[in-house]
């Protein structure tokens, strides 16, 4: 997920259950009283990954400038 979903884990499971039952994005959002945008993103992930859409993807790692500078220094020092 690009960023965290605004849907709780329970809402995501319920939404996917409704998708599998044939419900559309807008109907699911209305039924669960949640953002249509969040449901739409989940729906597209579900179309590609099925229930795998519930698995959280790894977050992007970030490193401080000091760490990057040290890596470059060690690389250049050989």
C-alpha atoms as a PDB file:
ATOM      1  CA  UNK A   1       0.000   0.000   0.000  1.00  0.00           C
ATOM      2  CA  UNK A   2       1.302   3.359  -0.863  1.00  0.00           C
ATOM      3  CA  UNK A   3       1.150   4.698   2.627  1.00  0.00           C
ATOM      4  CA  UNK A   4      -1.156   3.242   5.164  1.00  0.00           C
ATOM      5  CA  UNK A   5      -4.758   2.478   4.314  1.00  0.00           C
ATOM      6  CA  UNK A   6      -7.399   4.450   6.174  1.00  0.00           C
ATOM      7  CA  UNK A   7      -9.342   1.191   6.469  1.00  0.00           C
ATOM      8  CA  UNK A   8      -8.886  -0.959   9.554  1.00  0.00           C
ATOM      9  CA  UNK A   9      -7.894  -4.598   9.123  1.00  0.00           C
ATOM     10  CA  UNK A  10     -11.480  -5.617   9.951  1.00  0.00           C
ATOM     11  CA  UNK A  11     -12.870  -3.230   7.327  1.00  0.00           C
ATOM     12  CA  UNK A  12     -10.440  -4.555   4.720  1.00  0.00           C
ATOM     13  CA  UNK A  13     -11.460  -8.160   5.434  1.00  0.00           C
ATOM     14  CA  UNK A  14     -15.155  -7.219   5.274  1.00  0.00           C
ATOM     15  CA  UNK A  15     -14.649  -5.299   2.018  1.00  0.00           C
ATOM     16  CA  UNK A  16     -12.841  -8.202   0.357  1.00  0.00           C
ATOM     17  CA  UNK A  17     -15.602 -10.548   1.474  1.00  0.00           C
ATOM     18  CA  UNK A  18     -18.114  -8.251  -0.197  1.00  0.00           C
ATOM     19  CA  UNK A  19     -15.971  -7.996  -3.368  1.00  0.00           C
ATOM     20  CA  UNK A  20     -15.905 -11.792  -3.521  1.00  0.00           C
ATOM     21  CA  UNK A  21     -19.696 -11.816  -3.142  1.00  0.00           C
ATOM     22  CA  UNK A  22     -19.983  -9.580  -6.208  1.00  0.00           C
ATOM     23  CA  UNK A  23     -20.348  -6.153  -4.607  1.00  0.00           C
ATOM     24  CA  UNK A  24     -18.851  -3.128  -6.359  1.00  0.00           C
ATOM     25  CA  UNK A  25     -16.534  -0.491  -4.940  1.00  0.00           C
ATOM     26  CA  UNK A  26     -19.168   2.171  -4.306  1.00  0.00           C
ATOM     27  CA  UNK A  27     -21.612  -0.269  -2.708  1.00  0.00           C
ATOM     28  CA  UNK A  28     -18.919  -1.590  -0.373  1.00  0.00           C
ATOM     29  CA  UNK A  29     -17.902   1.928   0.661  1.00  0.00           C
ATOM     30  CA  UNK A  30     -21.522   2.794   1.414  1.00  0.00           C
ATOM     31  CA  UNK A  31     -22.158  -0.462   3.278  1.00  0.00           C
ATOM     32  CA  UNK A  32     -19.066  -0.034   5.472  1.00  0.00           C
ATOM     33  CA  UNK A  33     -19.472   3.773   5.767  1.00  0.00           C
ATOM     34  CA  UNK A  34     -15.871   4.376   4.696  1.00  0.00           C
ATOM     35  CA  UNK A  35     -14.035   6.426   2.073  1.00  0.00           C
ATOM     36  CA  UNK A  36     -14.762   5.448  -1.520  1.00  0.00           C
ATOM     37  CA  UNK A  37     -11.148   6.260  -2.397  1.00  0.00           C
ATOM     38  CA  UNK A  38      -9.784   3.798   0.195  1.00  0.00           C
ATOM     39  CA  UNK A  39     -12.170   1.088  -1.015  1.00  0.00           C
ATOM     40  CA  UNK A  40     -11.244   1.769  -4.637  1.00  0.00           C
ATOM     41  CA  UNK A  41      -7.510   1.322  -3.885  1.00  0.00           C
ATOM     42  CA  UNK A  42      -8.232  -1.905  -1.985  1.00  0.00           C
ATOM     43  CA  UNK A  43     -10.488  -3.120  -4.816  1.00  0.00           C
ATOM     44  CA  UNK A  44      -7.722  -2.651  -7.393  1.00  0.00           C
ATOM     45  CA  UNK A  45      -5.201  -4.468  -5.167  1.00  0.00           C
ATOM     46  CA  UNK A  46      -7.743  -7.256  -4.673  1.00  0.00           C
ATOM     47  CA  UNK A  47      -8.263  -7.598  -8.442  1.00  0.00           C
ATOM     48  CA  UNK A  48      -4.535  -8.205  -8.869  1.00  0.00           C
ATOM     49  CA  UNK A  49      -3.667 -10.147  -5.704  1.00  0.00           C
ATOM     50  CA  UNK A  50      -6.918 -11.644  -4.462  1.00  0.00           C
ATOM     51  CA  UNK A  51      -6.820 -12.148  -0.694  1.00  0.00           C
ATOM     52  CA  UNK A  52      -3.113 -11.329  -0.881  1.00  0.00           C
ATOM     53  CA  UNK A  53      -4.222  -7.688  -0.897  1.00  0.00           C
ATOM     54  CA  UNK A  54      -4.607  -8.052   2.873  1.00  0.00           C
ATOM     55  CA  UNK A  55      -0.903  -8.684   3.338  1.00  0.00           C
ATOM     56  CA  UNK A  56       0.927  -5.489   4.239  1.00  0.00           C
ATOM     57  CA  UNK A  57       3.765  -4.761   1.908  1.00  0.00           C
ATOM     58  CA  UNK A  58       7.181  -3.880   3.235  1.00  0.00           C
ATOM     59  CA  UNK A  59       7.746  -0.238   3.917  1.00  0.00           C
ATOM     60  CA  UNK A  60      10.397   1.699   2.094  1.00  0.00           C
ATOM     61  CA  UNK A  61      13.581   1.972   4.119  1.00  0.00           C
ATOM     62  CA  UNK A  62      15.119   5.376   4.640  1.00  0.00           C
ATOM     63  CA  UNK A  63      18.583   6.279   5.827  1.00  0.00           C
ATOM     64  CA  UNK A  64      19.935   9.424   7.417  1.00  0.00           C
ATOM     65  CA  UNK A  65      22.300  11.706   5.558  1.00  0.00           C
ATOM     66  CA  UNK A  66      25.066  10.854   8.047  1.00  0.00           C
ATOM     67  CA  UNK A  67      24.687   7.136   7.300  1.00  0.00           C
ATOM     68  CA  UNK A  68      24.775   7.724   3.536  1.00  0.00           C
ATOM     69  CA  UNK A  69      27.836   9.929   3.892  1.00  0.00           C
ATOM     70  CA  UNK A  70      29.640   7.216   5.878  1.00  0.00           C
ATOM     71  CA  UNK A  71      28.807   4.613   3.210  1.00  0.00           C
ATOM     72  CA  UNK A  72      30.216   6.863   0.486  1.00  0.00           C
ATOM     73  CA  UNK A  73      33.356   7.571   2.521  1.00  0.00           C
ATOM     74  CA  UNK A  74      33.976   3.852   3.044  1.00  0.00           C
ATOM     75  CA  UNK A  75      33.340   3.141  -0.623  1.00  0.00           C
ATOM     76  CA  UNK A  76      35.778   5.838  -1.760  1.00  0.00           C
ATOM     77  CA  UNK A  77      38.411   4.711   0.769  1.00  0.00           C
ATOM     78  CA  UNK A  78      38.301   1.342  -0.965  1.00  0.00           C
END
